[in-house]
Every structure is written in structure tokens, then in C-alpha cells.
Amino acid sequence: MFVIKPYTRKELAYIYFPNSFTPKTATQSLRRMLEKCPRGVEVKKILQHKKNLSRADVETIVKIIGTP
């Protein structure tokens, strides 16, 4: 069960893509997924310069792309 709480960018990417071989691969996959969403640009701006995501950031991401 997914819990909305603060995560690092890498942690969140691994939650969405648990079979990724590296953190970089998971993060790139999450970024690509966001680029395909209509509101993905908004979320991409949230992720762009942050290593640590707040609870509100994670909640916004989940609302846009769904629960992992």
C-alpha cells in the first residue's frame, strides 16, 4: 500500500518503477511518464530541481499520474 509522505526523487521513482536496474533508470522512466501526461509539465517543474519531495509534491504527482 502506497503512503503519501515525503520521498526523495529516487525513492519515488523506484516505487513507480521497482524493476529498474539503477536509480537513474527509474528517475528517467518517471520523467518520461510525466512528459506524456497532460499536466506532466507542472509535475516536471516540481521534480526539476528537488532531490527531496514534500508531502504536497508527492500528493500532486499521485493526483496527476495515479497511485503506483
C-alpha atoms as a PDB file:
ATOM      1  CA  MET A   1       0.000   0.000   0.000  1.00  0.00           C
ATOM      2  CA  PHE A   2       1.354   3.388  -1.033  1.00  0.00           C
ATOM      3  CA  VAL A   3       1.661   6.058   1.663  1.00  0.00           C
ATOM      4  CA  ILE A   4       1.710   9.742   0.753  1.00  0.00           C
ATOM      5  CA  LYS A   5       4.662  11.157   2.663  1.00  0.00           C
ATOM      6  CA  PRO A   6       7.906  12.965   1.818  1.00  0.00           C
ATOM      7  CA  TYR A   7      10.178  10.976  -0.506  1.00  0.00           C
ATOM      8  CA  THR A   8      13.393  11.603  -2.355  1.00  0.00           C
ATOM      9  CA  ARG A   9      13.067  11.748  -6.115  1.00  0.00           C
ATOM     10  CA  LYS A  10      14.882   8.418  -6.429  1.00  0.00           C
ATOM     11  CA  GLU A  11      12.672   6.704  -3.834  1.00  0.00           C
ATOM     12  CA  LEU A  12       9.506   7.811  -5.593  1.00  0.00           C
ATOM     13  CA  ALA A  13      10.870   6.754  -8.970  1.00  0.00           C
ATOM     14  CA  TYR A  14      11.713   3.297  -7.574  1.00  0.00           C
ATOM     15  CA  ILE A  15       8.196   2.984  -6.170  1.00  0.00           C
ATOM     16  CA  TYR A  16       6.744   3.636  -9.623  1.00  0.00           C
ATOM     17  CA  PHE A  17       9.395   1.535 -11.413  1.00  0.00           C
ATOM     18  CA  PRO A  18      10.577  -1.172  -8.982  1.00  0.00           C
ATOM     19  CA  ASN A  19      12.205  -3.304 -11.686  1.00  0.00           C
ATOM     20  CA  SER A  20      14.650  -0.583 -12.747  1.00  0.00           C
ATOM     21  CA  PHE A  21      18.306  -1.549 -12.559  1.00  0.00           C
ATOM     22  CA  THR A  22      19.600   1.824 -11.382  1.00  0.00           C
ATOM     23  CA  PRO A  23      18.207   4.957  -9.722  1.00  0.00           C
ATOM     24  CA  LYS A  24      18.985   6.878 -12.890  1.00  0.00           C
ATOM     25  CA  THR A  25      16.889   4.495 -14.995  1.00  0.00           C
ATOM     26  CA  ALA A  26      13.952   4.742 -12.580  1.00  0.00           C
ATOM     27  CA  THR A  27      14.164   8.535 -12.498  1.00  0.00           C
ATOM     28  CA  GLN A  28      14.329   8.750 -16.295  1.00  0.00           C
ATOM     29  CA  SER A  29      11.318   6.452 -16.611  1.00  0.00           C
ATOM     30  CA  LEU A  30       9.324   8.602 -14.188  1.00  0.00           C
ATOM     31  CA  ARG A  31      10.304  11.726 -16.113  1.00  0.00           C
ATOM     32  CA  ARG A  32       9.197  10.161 -19.414  1.00  0.00           C
ATOM     33  CA  MET A  33       5.915   9.087 -17.858  1.00  0.00           C
ATOM     34  CA  LEU A  34       5.299  12.644 -16.666  1.00  0.00           C
ATOM     35  CA  GLU A  35       6.084  14.097 -20.092  1.00  0.00           C
ATOM     36  CA  LYS A  36       3.242  12.037 -21.577  1.00  0.00           C
ATOM     37  CA  CYS A  37       0.652  13.374 -19.117  1.00  0.00           C
ATOM     38  CA  PRO A  38      -1.382  16.496 -19.928  1.00  0.00           C
ATOM     39  CA  ARG A  39      -0.372  18.128 -16.628  1.00  0.00           C
ATOM     40  CA  GLY A  40       3.034  16.488 -16.637  1.00  0.00           C
ATOM     41  CA  VAL A  41       4.814  19.766 -17.301  1.00  0.00           C
ATOM     42  CA  GLU A  42       3.534  21.024 -13.955  1.00  0.00           C
ATOM     43  CA  VAL A  43       4.893  17.977 -12.169  1.00  0.00           C
ATOM     44  CA  LYS A  44       8.146  18.053 -14.099  1.00  0.00           C
ATOM     45  CA  LYS A  45       8.715  21.553 -12.721  1.00  0.00           C
ATOM     46  CA  ILE A  46       8.191  20.185  -9.213  1.00  0.00           C
ATOM     47  CA  LEU A  47      10.796  17.475  -9.754  1.00  0.00           C
ATOM     48  CA  GLN A  48      13.269  19.516 -11.754  1.00  0.00           C
ATOM     49  CA  HIS A  49      15.476  20.978  -9.035  1.00  0.00           C
ATOM     50  CA  LYS A  50      14.430  18.997  -5.976  1.00  0.00           C
ATOM     51  CA  LYS A  51      16.071  15.950  -4.505  1.00  0.00           C
ATOM     52  CA  ASN A  52      13.580  15.790  -1.651  1.00  0.00           C
ATOM     53  CA  LEU A  53       9.861  15.997  -2.356  1.00  0.00           C
ATOM     54  CA  SER A  54       7.419  17.271   0.219  1.00  0.00           C
ATOM     55  CA  ARG A  55       4.189  15.512   1.072  1.00  0.00           C
ATOM     56  CA  ALA A  56       2.311  18.093  -1.036  1.00  0.00           C
ATOM     57  CA  ASP A  57       4.612  17.435  -4.020  1.00  0.00           C
ATOM     58  CA  VAL A  58       4.009  13.691  -3.777  1.00  0.00           C
ATOM     59  CA  GLU A  59       0.257  14.239  -3.445  1.00  0.00           C
ATOM     60  CA  THR A  60       0.253  16.379  -6.604  1.00  0.00           C
ATOM     61  CA  ILE A  61       2.208  13.765  -8.521  1.00  0.00           C
ATOM     62  CA  VAL A  62      -0.150  10.983  -7.422  1.00  0.00           C
ATOM     63  CA  LYS A  63      -3.193  13.030  -8.434  1.00  0.00           C
ATOM     64  CA  ILE A  64      -1.761  13.552 -11.904  1.00  0.00           C
ATOM     65  CA  ILE A  65      -0.260  10.156 -12.759  1.00  0.00           C
ATOM     66  CA  GLY A  66      -2.059   7.898 -10.309  1.00  0.00           C
ATOM     67  CA  THR A  67      -1.086   5.642  -7.454  1.00  0.00           C
ATOM     68  CA  PRO A  68       1.903   3.390  -8.083  1.00  0.00           C
END
